[in-house]
Amino acid sequence: MLRVIATFILIYLVFRVLTAYVFPWIARWYLKRYQKRFYRENPSAAKAGEKRRQQEKERQRQMKKPDTDKLGEYVDYEEIKDD
């Protein structure tokens, strides 16, 4: 009975490792392989994809910058003591 429980635990742990590390790695490798093949067969799509990535990077860069024009002037207050 203990051997059966240990076998189930071992199968569970192997499955967890596979789903957490191995399957995502295989999926990334598989998608990159087909992406390279697609861009090799469609060079115009590669140019359009690069342009879209550049636009996305520029949009993200602009979103990170705080808009300082709308903040107003800096006012430095000094505390006055009434002694």
PDB file of N, CA and C in Angstrom:
ATOM      1  N   MET A   1       0.831  -1.200   0.000  1.00  0.00           N
ATOM      2  CA  MET A   1       0.000   0.000   0.000  1.00  0.00           C
ATOM      3  C   MET A   1       0.875   1.262   0.000  1.00  0.00           C
ATOM      4  N   LEU A   2       1.913   1.231   0.802  1.00  0.00           N
ATOM      5  CA  LEU A   2       2.829   2.374   0.873  1.00  0.00           C
ATOM      6  C   LEU A   2       3.533   2.591  -0.470  1.00  0.00           C
ATOM      7  N   ARG A   3       3.831   1.519  -1.159  1.00  0.00           N
ATOM      8  CA  ARG A   3       4.479   1.599  -2.459  1.00  0.00           C
ATOM      9  C   ARG A   3       3.555   2.273  -3.495  1.00  0.00           C
ATOM     10  N   VAL A   4       2.281   1.996  -3.435  1.00  0.00           N
ATOM     11  CA  VAL A   4       1.311   2.605  -4.358  1.00  0.00           C
ATOM     12  C   VAL A   4       1.202   4.105  -4.090  1.00  0.00           C
ATOM     13  N   ILE A   5       1.156   4.474  -2.839  1.00  0.00           N
ATOM     14  CA  ILE A   5       1.073   5.900  -2.480  1.00  0.00           C
ATOM     15  C   ILE A   5       2.335   6.621  -2.925  1.00  0.00           C
ATOM     16  N   ALA A   6       3.489   6.012  -2.709  1.00  0.00           N
ATOM     17  CA  ALA A   6       4.754   6.617  -3.137  1.00  0.00           C
ATOM     18  C   ALA A   6       4.795   6.758  -4.660  1.00  0.00           C
ATOM     19  N   THR A   7       4.268   5.795  -5.369  1.00  0.00           N
ATOM     20  CA  THR A   7       4.230   5.868  -6.835  1.00  0.00           C
ATOM     21  C   THR A   7       3.341   7.015  -7.297  1.00  0.00           C
ATOM     22  N   PHE A   8       2.187   7.180  -6.689  1.00  0.00           N
ATOM     23  CA  PHE A   8       1.301   8.296  -7.044  1.00  0.00           C
ATOM     24  C   PHE A   8       1.948   9.641  -6.739  1.00  0.00           C
ATOM     25  N   ILE A   9       2.624   9.742  -5.620  1.00  0.00           N
ATOM     26  CA  ILE A   9       3.309  10.992  -5.263  1.00  0.00           C
ATOM     27  C   ILE A   9       4.410  11.287  -6.275  1.00  0.00           C
ATOM     28  N   LEU A  10       5.167  10.273  -6.650  1.00  0.00           N
ATOM     29  CA  LEU A  10       6.230  10.451  -7.629  1.00  0.00           C
ATOM     30  C   LEU A  10       5.669  10.870  -8.989  1.00  0.00           C
ATOM     31  N   ILE A  11       4.590  10.253  -9.417  1.00  0.00           N
ATOM     32  CA  ILE A  11       3.955  10.624 -10.693  1.00  0.00           C
ATOM     33  C   ILE A  11       3.459  12.063 -10.623  1.00  0.00           C
ATOM     34  N   TYR A  12       2.872  12.442  -9.499  1.00  0.00           N
ATOM     35  CA  TYR A  12       2.387  13.813  -9.321  1.00  0.00           C
ATOM     36  C   TYR A  12       3.534  14.815  -9.410  1.00  0.00           C
ATOM     37  N   LEU A  13       4.642  14.533  -8.740  1.00  0.00           N
ATOM     38  CA  LEU A  13       5.786  15.446  -8.760  1.00  0.00           C
ATOM     39  C   LEU A  13       6.393  15.557 -10.161  1.00  0.00           C
ATOM     40  N   VAL A  14       6.507  14.450 -10.858  1.00  0.00           N
ATOM     41  CA  VAL A  14       7.033  14.480 -12.226  1.00  0.00           C
ATOM     42  C   VAL A  14       6.106  15.297 -13.116  1.00  0.00           C
ATOM     43  N   PHE A  15       4.823  15.119 -12.979  1.00  0.00           N
ATOM     44  CA  PHE A  15       3.858  15.885 -13.765  1.00  0.00           C
ATOM     45  C   PHE A  15       3.968  17.379 -13.468  1.00  0.00           C
ATOM     46  N   ARG A  16       4.141  17.728 -12.205  1.00  0.00           N
ATOM     47  CA  ARG A  16       4.287  19.146 -11.824  1.00  0.00           C
ATOM     48  C   ARG A  16       5.528  19.758 -12.454  1.00  0.00           C
ATOM     49  N   VAL A  17       6.635  19.035 -12.436  1.00  0.00           N
ATOM     50  CA  VAL A  17       7.872  19.542 -13.034  1.00  0.00           C
ATOM     51  C   VAL A  17       7.698  19.691 -14.542  1.00  0.00           C
ATOM     52  N   LEU A  18       7.068  18.716 -15.164  1.00  0.00           N
ATOM     53  CA  LEU A  18       6.846  18.800 -16.606  1.00  0.00           C
ATOM     54  C   LEU A  18       5.986  20.002 -16.980  1.00  0.00           C
ATOM     55  N   THR A  19       4.907  20.216 -16.263  1.00  0.00           N
ATOM     56  CA  THR A  19       4.009  21.323 -16.600  1.00  0.00           C
ATOM     57  C   THR A  19       4.609  22.682 -16.250  1.00  0.00           C
ATOM     58  N   ALA A  20       5.469  22.737 -15.254  1.00  0.00           N
ATOM     59  CA  ALA A  20       6.031  24.020 -14.831  1.00  0.00           C
ATOM     60  C   ALA A  20       7.244  24.430 -15.659  1.00  0.00           C
ATOM     61  N   TYR A  21       8.054  23.488 -16.097  1.00  0.00           N
ATOM     62  CA  TYR A  21       9.311  23.840 -16.749  1.00  0.00           C
ATOM     63  C   TYR A  21       9.446  23.289 -18.168  1.00  0.00           C
ATOM     64  N   VAL A  22       9.159  22.041 -18.363  1.00  0.00           N
ATOM     65  CA  VAL A  22       9.452  21.392 -19.643  1.00  0.00           C
ATOM     66  C   VAL A  22       8.444  21.792 -20.720  1.00  0.00           C
ATOM     67  N   PHE A  23       7.166  21.713 -20.457  1.00  0.00           N
ATOM     68  CA  PHE A  23       6.163  22.040 -21.464  1.00  0.00           C
ATOM     69  C   PHE A  23       6.244  23.494 -21.932  1.00  0.00           C
ATOM     70  N   PRO A  24       6.415  24.479 -21.046  1.00  0.00           N
ATOM     71  CA  PRO A  24       6.562  25.857 -21.539  1.00  0.00           C
ATOM     72  C   PRO A  24       7.812  26.035 -22.408  1.00  0.00           C
ATOM     73  N   TRP A  25       8.913  25.374 -22.053  1.00  0.00           N
ATOM     74  CA  TRP A  25      10.124  25.470 -22.850  1.00  0.00           C
ATOM     75  C   TRP A  25       9.898  24.879 -24.240  1.00  0.00           C
ATOM     76  N   ILE A  26       9.239  23.741 -24.304  1.00  0.00           N
ATOM     77  CA  ILE A  26       8.944  23.103 -25.590  1.00  0.00           C
ATOM     78  C   ILE A  26       8.019  23.994 -26.421  1.00  0.00           C
ATOM     79  N   ALA A  27       7.028  24.593 -25.791  1.00  0.00           N
ATOM     80  CA  ALA A  27       6.096  25.463 -26.515  1.00  0.00           C
ATOM     81  C   ALA A  27       6.819  26.688 -27.081  1.00  0.00           C
ATOM     82  N   ARG A  28       7.705  27.321 -26.293  1.00  0.00           N
ATOM     83  CA  ARG A  28       8.462  28.475 -26.786  1.00  0.00           C
ATOM     84  C   ARG A  28       9.355  28.074 -27.961  1.00  0.00           C
ATOM     85  N   TRP A  29      10.032  26.939 -27.843  1.00  0.00           N
ATOM     86  CA  TRP A  29      10.907  26.470 -28.909  1.00  0.00           C
ATOM     87  C   TRP A  29      10.103  26.219 -30.189  1.00  0.00           C
ATOM     88  N   TYR A  30       8.969  25.564 -30.042  1.00  0.00           N
ATOM     89  CA  TYR A  30       8.111  25.233 -31.174  1.00  0.00           C
ATOM     90  C   TYR A  30       7.595  26.508 -31.857  1.00  0.00           C
ATOM     91  N   LEU A  31       7.138  27.482 -31.066  1.00  0.00           N
ATOM     92  CA  LEU A  31       6.610  28.722 -31.639  1.00  0.00           C
ATOM     93  C   LEU A  31       7.699  29.546 -32.311  1.00  0.00           C
ATOM     94  N   LYS A  32       8.885  29.605 -31.722  1.00  0.00           N
ATOM     95  CA  LYS A  32       9.981  30.347 -32.348  1.00  0.00           C
ATOM     96  C   LYS A  32      10.382  29.712 -33.674  1.00  0.00           C
ATOM     97  N   ARG A  33      10.380  28.398 -33.717  1.00  0.00           N
ATOM     98  CA  ARG A  33      10.731  27.695 -34.939  1.00  0.00           C
ATOM     99  C   ARG A  33       9.756  28.046 -36.057  1.00  0.00           C
ATOM    100  N   TYR A  34       8.465  28.018 -35.757  1.00  0.00           N
ATOM    101  CA  TYR A  34       7.472  28.345 -36.785  1.00  0.00           C
ATOM    102  C   TYR A  34       7.430  29.840 -37.093  1.00  0.00           C
ATOM    103  N   GLN A  35       7.787  30.667 -36.129  1.00  0.00           N
ATOM    104  CA  GLN A  35       7.845  32.102 -36.387  1.00  0.00           C
ATOM    105  C   GLN A  35       8.972  32.408 -37.374  1.00  0.00           C
ATOM    106  N   LYS A  36      10.125  31.794 -37.174  1.00  0.00           N
ATOM    107  CA  LYS A  36      11.234  31.991 -38.109  1.00  0.00           C
ATOM    108  C   LYS A  36      10.861  31.524 -39.506  1.00  0.00           C
ATOM    109  N   ARG A  37      10.210  30.389 -39.591  1.00  0.00           N
ATOM    110  CA  ARG A  37       9.798  29.871 -40.897  1.00  0.00           C
ATOM    111  C   ARG A  37       8.780  30.804 -41.562  1.00  0.00           C
ATOM    112  N   PHE A  38       7.845  31.312 -40.790  1.00  0.00           N
ATOM    113  CA  PHE A  38       6.839  32.229 -41.326  1.00  0.00           C
ATOM    114  C   PHE A  38       7.493  33.485 -41.871  1.00  0.00           C
ATOM    115  N   TYR A  39       8.421  34.085 -41.108  1.00  0.00           N
ATOM    116  CA  TYR A  39       9.064  35.315 -41.555  1.00  0.00           C
ATOM    117  C   TYR A  39      10.008  35.067 -42.730  1.00  0.00           C
ATOM    118  N   ARG A  40      10.580  33.875 -42.812  1.00  0.00           N
ATOM    119  CA  ARG A  40      11.412  33.538 -43.954  1.00  0.00           C
ATOM    120  C   ARG A  40      10.564  33.465 -45.222  1.00  0.00           C
ATOM    121  N   GLU A  41       9.360  32.925 -45.109  1.00  0.00           N
ATOM    122  CA  GLU A  41       8.478  32.803 -46.259  1.00  0.00           C
ATOM    123  C   GLU A  41       7.738  34.097 -46.584  1.00  0.00           C
ATOM    124  N   ASN A  42       7.585  34.984 -45.599  1.00  0.00           N
ATOM    125  CA  ASN A  42       6.853  36.250 -45.781  1.00  0.00           C
ATOM    126  C   ASN A  42       7.711  37.412 -45.296  1.00  0.00           C
ATOM    127  N   PRO A  43       8.674  37.864 -46.082  1.00  0.00           N
ATOM    128  CA  PRO A  43       9.563  38.945 -45.620  1.00  0.00           C
ATOM    129  C   PRO A  43       8.821  40.260 -45.356  1.00  0.00           C
ATOM    130  N   SER A  44       7.723  40.515 -46.064  1.00  0.00           N
ATOM    131  CA  SER A  44       6.987  41.758 -45.826  1.00  0.00           C
ATOM    132  C   SER A  44       6.329  41.751 -44.446  1.00  0.00           C
ATOM    133  N   ALA A  45       5.949  40.576 -43.978  1.00  0.00           N
ATOM    134  CA  ALA A  45       5.356  40.482 -42.642  1.00  0.00           C
ATOM    135  C   ALA A  45       6.401  40.771 -41.573  1.00  0.00           C
ATOM    136  N   ALA A  46       7.642  40.418 -41.838  1.00  0.00           N
ATOM    137  CA  ALA A  46       8.713  40.690 -40.869  1.00  0.00           C
ATOM    138  C   ALA A  46       8.917  42.197 -40.716  1.00  0.00           C
ATOM    139  N   LYS A  47       8.878  42.916 -41.832  1.00  0.00           N
ATOM    140  CA  LYS A  47       9.040  44.372 -41.765  1.00  0.00           C
ATOM    141  C   LYS A  47       7.878  45.013 -41.016  1.00  0.00           C
ATOM    142  N   ALA A  48       6.659  44.558 -41.294  1.00  0.00           N
ATOM    143  CA  ALA A  48       5.479  45.109 -40.620  1.00  0.00           C
ATOM    144  C   ALA A  48       5.513  44.787 -39.130  1.00  0.00           C
ATOM    145  N   GLY A  49       5.951  43.579 -38.785  1.00  0.00           N
ATOM    146  CA  GLY A  49       6.038  43.200 -37.370  1.00  0.00           C
ATOM    147  C   GLY A  49       7.066  44.029 -36.633  1.00  0.00           C
ATOM    148  N   GLU A  50       8.197  44.307 -37.282  1.00  0.00           N
ATOM    149  CA  GLU A  50       9.236  45.134 -36.667  1.00  0.00           C
ATOM    150  C   GLU A  50       8.735  46.558 -36.446  1.00  0.00           C
ATOM    151  N   LYS A  51       8.011  47.077 -37.429  1.00  0.00           N
ATOM    152  CA  LYS A  51       7.459  48.430 -37.305  1.00  0.00           C
ATOM    153  C   LYS A  51       6.450  48.494 -36.166  1.00  0.00           C
ATOM    154  N   ARG A  52       5.611  47.471 -36.052  1.00  0.00           N
ATOM    155  CA  ARG A  52       4.621  47.434 -34.975  1.00  0.00           C
ATOM    156  C   ARG A  52       5.295  47.337 -33.609  1.00  0.00           C
ATOM    157  N   ARG A  53       6.387  46.560 -33.509  1.00  0.00           N
ATOM    158  CA  ARG A  53       7.116  46.467 -32.240  1.00  0.00           C
ATOM    159  C   ARG A  53       7.736  47.797 -31.860  1.00  0.00           C
ATOM    160  N   GLN A  54       8.270  48.514 -32.852  1.00  0.00           N
ATOM    161  CA  GLN A  54       8.849  49.826 -32.587  1.00  0.00           C
ATOM    162  C   GLN A  54       7.780  50.799 -32.090  1.00  0.00           C
ATOM    163  N   GLN A  55       6.606  50.768 -32.715  1.00  0.00           N
ATOM    164  CA  GLN A  55       5.526  51.647 -32.276  1.00  0.00           C
ATOM    165  C   GLN A  55       5.081  51.303 -30.864  1.00  0.00           C
ATOM    166  N   GLU A  56       5.015  50.023 -30.544  1.00  0.00           N
ATOM    167  CA  GLU A  56       4.615  49.602 -29.201  1.00  0.00           C
ATOM    168  C   GLU A  56       5.635  50.046 -28.163  1.00  0.00           C
ATOM    169  N   LYS A  57       6.922  49.923 -28.476  1.00  0.00           N
ATOM    170  CA  LYS A  57       7.974  50.371 -27.551  1.00  0.00           C
ATOM    171  C   LYS A  57       7.879  51.874 -27.318  1.00  0.00           C
ATOM    172  N   GLU A  58       7.644  52.627 -28.399  1.00  0.00           N
ATOM    173  CA  GLU A  58       7.528  54.079 -28.277  1.00  0.00           C
ATOM    174  C   GLU A  58       6.310  54.452 -27.429  1.00  0.00           C
ATOM    175  N   ARG A  59       5.207  53.752 -27.618  1.00  0.00           N
ATOM    176  CA  ARG A  59       3.997  54.019 -26.835  1.00  0.00           C
ATOM    177  C   ARG A  59       4.238  53.731 -25.356  1.00  0.00           C
ATOM    178  N   GLN A  60       4.924  52.633 -25.063  1.00  0.00           N
ATOM    179  CA  GLN A  60       5.223  52.301 -23.663  1.00  0.00           C
ATOM    180  C   GLN A  60       6.166  53.325 -23.054  1.00  0.00           C
ATOM    181  N   ARG A  61       7.138  53.782 -23.839  1.00  0.00           N
ATOM    182  CA  ARG A  61       8.079  54.788 -23.348  1.00  0.00           C
ATOM    183  C   ARG A  61       7.349  56.087 -23.016  1.00  0.00           C
ATOM    184  N   GLN A  62       6.385  56.463 -23.851  1.00  0.00           N
ATOM    185  CA  GLN A  62       5.625  57.687 -23.612  1.00  0.00           C
ATOM    186  C   GLN A  62       4.713  57.543 -22.396  1.00  0.00           C
ATOM    187  N   MET A  63       4.181  56.358 -22.175  1.00  0.00           N
ATOM    188  CA  MET A  63       3.282  56.150 -21.037  1.00  0.00           C
ATOM    189  C   MET A  63       4.050  56.202 -19.721  1.00  0.00           C
ATOM    190  N   LYS A  64       5.307  55.848 -19.720  1.00  0.00           N
ATOM    191  CA  LYS A  64       6.102  55.847 -18.493  1.00  0.00           C
ATOM    192  C   LYS A  64       6.489  57.253 -18.056  1.00  0.00           C
ATOM    193  N   LYS A  65       6.603  58.167 -19.014  1.00  0.00           N
ATOM    194  CA  LYS A  65       6.996  59.527 -18.682  1.00  0.00           C
ATOM    195  C   LYS A  65       5.828  60.254 -17.999  1.00  0.00           C
ATOM    196  N   PRO A  66       6.052  60.833 -16.839  1.00  0.00           N
ATOM    197  CA  PRO A  66       4.977  61.613 -16.230  1.00  0.00           C
ATOM    198  C   PRO A  66       4.800  62.935 -16.983  1.00  0.00           C
ATOM    199  N   ASP A  67       3.585  63.373 -17.090  1.00  0.00           N
ATOM    200  CA  ASP A  67       3.289  64.622 -17.778  1.00  0.00           C
ATOM    201  C   ASP A  67       3.514  65.773 -16.797  1.00  0.00           C
ATOM    202  N   THR A  68       4.690  66.390 -16.882  1.00  0.00           N
ATOM    203  CA  THR A  68       5.053  67.446 -15.938  1.00  0.00           C
ATOM    204  C   THR A  68       4.433  68.787 -16.293  1.00  0.00           C
ATOM    205  N   ASP A  69       3.880  68.935 -17.491  1.00  0.00           N
ATOM    206  CA  ASP A  69       3.274  70.206 -17.882  1.00  0.00           C
ATOM    207  C   ASP A  69       2.011  70.497 -17.078  1.00  0.00           C
ATOM    208  N   LYS A  70       1.308  69.479 -16.655  1.00  0.00           N
ATOM    209  CA  LYS A  70       0.043  69.665 -15.966  1.00  0.00           C
ATOM    210  C   LYS A  70       0.199  69.724 -14.447  1.00  0.00           C
ATOM    211  N   LEU A  71       1.421  69.617 -13.935  1.00  0.00           N
ATOM    212  CA  LEU A  71       1.621  69.579 -12.493  1.00  0.00           C
ATOM    213  C   LEU A  71       1.552  70.951 -11.843  1.00  0.00           C
ATOM    214  N   GLY A  72       1.921  71.986 -12.539  1.00  0.00           N
ATOM    215  CA  GLY A  72       1.893  73.321 -11.959  1.00  0.00           C
ATOM    216  C   GLY A  72       3.254  73.704 -11.411  1.00  0.00           C
ATOM    217  N   GLU A  73       3.288  74.818 -10.692  1.00  0.00           N
ATOM    218  CA  GLU A  73       4.556  75.308 -10.159  1.00  0.00           C
ATOM    219  C   GLU A  73       4.846  74.699  -8.802  1.00  0.00           C
ATOM    220  N   TYR A  74       6.131  74.653  -8.486  1.00  0.00           N
ATOM    221  CA  TYR A  74       6.566  74.170  -7.186  1.00  0.00           C
ATOM    222  C   TYR A  74       6.568  75.348  -6.221  1.00  0.00           C
ATOM    223  N   VAL A  75       5.913  75.147  -5.088  1.00  0.00           N
ATOM    224  CA  VAL A  75       5.853  76.195  -4.076  1.00  0.00           C
ATOM    225  C   VAL A  75       6.509  75.663  -2.814  1.00  0.00           C
ATOM    226  N   ASP A  76       7.497  76.405  -2.318  1.00  0.00           N
ATOM    227  CA  ASP A  76       8.205  76.003  -1.115  1.00  0.00           C
ATOM    228  C   ASP A  76       7.651  76.800   0.060  1.00  0.00           C
ATOM    229  N   TYR A  77       7.054  76.102   1.012  1.00  0.00           N
ATOM    230  CA  TYR A  77       6.478  76.754   2.185  1.00  0.00           C
ATOM    231  C   TYR A  77       7.474  76.721   3.325  1.00  0.00           C
ATOM    232  N   GLU A  78       7.447  77.800   4.083  1.00  0.00           N
ATOM    233  CA  GLU A  78       8.318  77.866   5.241  1.00  0.00           C
ATOM    234  C   GLU A  78       7.440  78.034   6.476  1.00  0.00           C
ATOM    235  N   GLU A  79       7.726  77.236   7.474  1.00  0.00           N
ATOM    236  CA  GLU A  79       6.913  77.277   8.679  1.00  0.00           C
ATOM    237  C   GLU A  79       7.266  78.509   9.505  1.00  0.00           C
ATOM    238  N   ILE A  80       6.238  79.243   9.969  1.00  0.00           N
ATOM    239  CA  ILE A  80       6.437  80.442  10.780  1.00  0.00           C
ATOM    240  C   ILE A  80       5.981  80.114  12.181  1.00  0.00           C
ATOM    241  N   LYS A  81       6.848  80.376  13.160  1.00  0.00           N
ATOM    242  CA  LYS A  81       6.514  80.123  14.564  1.00  0.00           C
ATOM    243  C   LYS A  81       5.983  81.400  15.196  1.00  0.00           C
ATOM    244  N   ASP A  82       4.934  81.257  15.985  1.00  0.00           N
ATOM    245  CA  ASP A  82       4.309  82.407  16.663  1.00  0.00           C
ATOM    246  C   ASP A  82       4.739  82.457  18.130  1.00  0.00           C
ATOM    247  N   ASP A  83       5.976  82.590  18.413  1.00  0.00           N
ATOM    248  CA  ASP A  83       6.445  82.650  19.812  1.00  0.00           C
ATOM    249  C   ASP A  83       6.408  84.009  20.381  1.00  0.00           C
TER     250      ASP A  83
END
